[in-house]
C-alpha atoms as a PDB file:
ATOM      1  CA  MET A   1      81.500  44.579 101.389  1.00  0.00           C
ATOM      2  CA  LEU A   2      83.225  44.706 104.589  1.00  0.00           C
ATOM      3  CA  ILE A   3      84.224  41.654 106.563  1.00  0.00           C
ATOM      4  CA  ARG A   4      85.850  41.888 110.204  1.00  0.00           C
ATOM      5  CA  TYR A   5      87.707  38.488 111.631  1.00  0.00           C
ATOM      6  CA  GLU A   6      88.271  38.000 115.017  1.00  0.00           C
ATOM      7  CA  GLY A   7      90.582  35.070 116.314  1.00  0.00           C
ATOM      8  CA  ASP A   8      94.517  34.768 116.703  1.00  0.00           C
ATOM      9  CA  TYR A   9      94.644  38.026 114.601  1.00  0.00           C
ATOM     10  CA  GLN A  10      92.001  40.756 114.027  1.00  0.00           C
ATOM     11  CA  TYR A  11      91.527  41.984 110.646  1.00  0.00           C
ATOM     12  CA  THR A  12      89.182  43.693 108.356  1.00  0.00           C
ATOM     13  CA  ILE A  13      88.820  43.145 104.538  1.00  0.00           C
ATOM     14  CA  MET A  14      87.204  45.734 102.577  1.00  0.00           C
ATOM     15  CA  GLU A  15      86.215  45.089  98.765  1.00  0.00           C
ATOM     16  CA  ALA A  16      84.330  47.869  96.820  1.00  0.00           C
ATOM     17  CA  ARG A  17      84.177  49.030  92.991  1.00  0.00           C
ATOM     18  CA  PRO A  18      85.588  52.555  93.425  1.00  0.00           C
ATOM     19  CA  LEU A  19      84.027  55.386  91.469  1.00  0.00           C
ATOM     20  CA  ASP A  20      85.397  58.740  90.298  1.00  0.00           C
ATOM     21  CA  ARG A  21      87.910  59.600  93.438  1.00  0.00           C
ATOM     22  CA  ALA A  22      90.705  61.925  94.723  1.00  0.00           C
ATOM     23  CA  VAL A  23      94.142  60.691  94.540  1.00  0.00           C
ATOM     24  CA  SER A  24      96.845  61.640  97.439  1.00  0.00           C
ATOM     25  CA  LEU A  25     100.032  60.350  97.890  1.00  0.00           C
ATOM     26  CA  ALA A  26     100.926  58.614 101.335  1.00  0.00           C
ATOM     27  CA  PRO A  27     104.308  56.837 102.157  1.00  0.00           C
ATOM     28  CA  ALA A  28     103.591  53.083 101.245  1.00  0.00           C
ATOM     29  CA  THR A  29     105.727  50.003 100.686  1.00  0.00           C
ATOM     30  CA  LEU A  30     105.536  48.111  97.300  1.00  0.00           C
ATOM     31  CA  VAL A  31     104.359  44.765  97.914  1.00  0.00           C
ATOM     32  CA  ASP A  32     104.474  42.049  95.032  1.00  0.00           C
ATOM     33  CA  LEU A  33     101.542  39.971  95.408  1.00  0.00           C
ATOM     34  CA  GLY A  34     102.233  37.637  92.599  1.00  0.00           C
ATOM     35  CA  PHE A  35      99.271  38.916  90.459  1.00  0.00           C
ATOM     36  CA  THR A  36      99.364  42.329  90.907  1.00  0.00           C
ATOM     37  CA  ALA A  37     101.281  44.999  92.907  1.00  0.00           C
ATOM     38  CA  GLY A  38      99.766  46.275  96.387  1.00  0.00           C
ATOM     39  CA  ALA A  39     100.499  48.930  98.548  1.00  0.00           C
ATOM     40  CA  LEU A  40     101.295  48.767 102.443  1.00  0.00           C
ATOM     41  CA  THR A  41     100.702  51.706 104.407  1.00  0.00           C
ATOM     42  CA  GLY A  42     100.259  52.326 108.303  1.00  0.00           C
ATOM     43  CA  ASP A  43     102.342  51.795 111.128  1.00  0.00           C
ATOM     44  CA  GLU A  44     100.606  50.327 114.386  1.00  0.00           C
ATOM     45  CA  GLN A  45      97.430  49.825 111.986  1.00  0.00           C
ATOM     46  CA  GLN A  46      98.660  48.553 108.644  1.00  0.00           C
ATOM     47  CA  THR A  47      96.642  48.291 105.624  1.00  0.00           C
ATOM     48  CA  LEU A  48      97.648  46.693 102.547  1.00  0.00           C
ATOM     49  CA  THR A  49      95.544  47.593  99.418  1.00  0.00           C
ATOM     50  CA  TRP A  50      95.616  46.297  95.397  1.00  0.00           C
ATOM     51  CA  MET A  51      93.171  46.600  92.643  1.00  0.00           C
ATOM     52  CA  ASN A  52      92.192  43.547  90.468  1.00  0.00           C
ATOM     53  CA  ASP A  53      89.962  43.506  87.624  1.00  0.00           C
ATOM     54  CA  GLY A  54      88.424  46.999  89.026  1.00  0.00           C
ATOM     55  CA  VAL A  55      87.951  45.937  92.128  1.00  0.00           C
ATOM     56  CA  GLU A  56      89.855  48.040  95.458  1.00  0.00           C
ATOM     57  CA  PHE A  57      91.069  45.352  98.168  1.00  0.00           C
ATOM     58  CA  ARG A  58      91.655  46.366 101.414  1.00  0.00           C
ATOM     59  CA  ILE A  59      93.044  44.571 104.314  1.00  0.00           C
ATOM     60  CA  THR A  60      93.505  46.314 107.899  1.00  0.00           C
ATOM     61  CA  SER A  61      95.170  45.128 110.864  1.00  0.00           C
ATOM     62  CA  ALA A  62      97.127  46.264 113.997  1.00  0.00           C
ATOM     63  CA  ASN A  63      98.629  42.372 114.364  1.00  0.00           C
ATOM     64  CA  LEU A  64      98.299  40.567 111.386  1.00  0.00           C
ATOM     65  CA  PRO A  65     101.796  39.628 109.704  1.00  0.00           C
ATOM     66  CA  LEU A  66     102.320  40.858 105.986  1.00  0.00           C
ATOM     67  CA  ASP A  67     102.911  37.339 104.880  1.00  0.00           C
ATOM     68  CA  GLU A  68      99.297  36.543 106.335  1.00  0.00           C
ATOM     69  CA  MET A  69      98.004  39.563 104.394  1.00  0.00           C
ATOM     70  CA  MET A  70      99.619  38.532 101.051  1.00  0.00           C
ATOM     71  CA  GLN A  71      98.195  34.983 101.577  1.00  0.00           C
ATOM     72  CA  ILE A  72      94.512  36.205 101.801  1.00  0.00           C
ATOM     73  CA  ALA A  73      95.142  38.780  99.493  1.00  0.00           C
ATOM     74  CA  ALA A  74      96.268  35.648  96.983  1.00  0.00           C
ATOM     75  CA  SER A  75      93.165  33.309  98.122  1.00  0.00           C
ATOM     76  CA  MET A  76      90.835  36.324  97.330  1.00  0.00           C
ATOM     77  CA  GLN A  77      92.119  36.718  93.707  1.00  0.00           C
ATOM     78  CA  ALA A  78      90.086  34.213  92.049  1.00  0.00           C
ATOM     79  CA  GLN A  79      86.895  35.057  94.188  1.00  0.00           C
ATOM     80  CA  SER A  80      86.292  38.980  93.655  1.00  0.00           C
ATOM     81  CA  GLY A  81      82.648  40.059  93.506  1.00  0.00           C
ATOM     82  CA  LYS A  82      81.215  37.079  95.357  1.00  0.00           C
END
């Protein structure tokens, strides 16, 4: 599922059930989301990635602050797969 939001902040939310995949190591900042750990990557375009119940979530934006990303992630925690 891919959802794009426009407004004060522009961002994209991606939700997927990943199958087997190659893993690579990219520089990231560990983010405590309260219910799981997330990884923040990127400079100008930042992506917050986390896993919950086998579902991978990503929020990507050039102007959405980290605290807003964290609030969105928390709001999605109980709604995955919908």
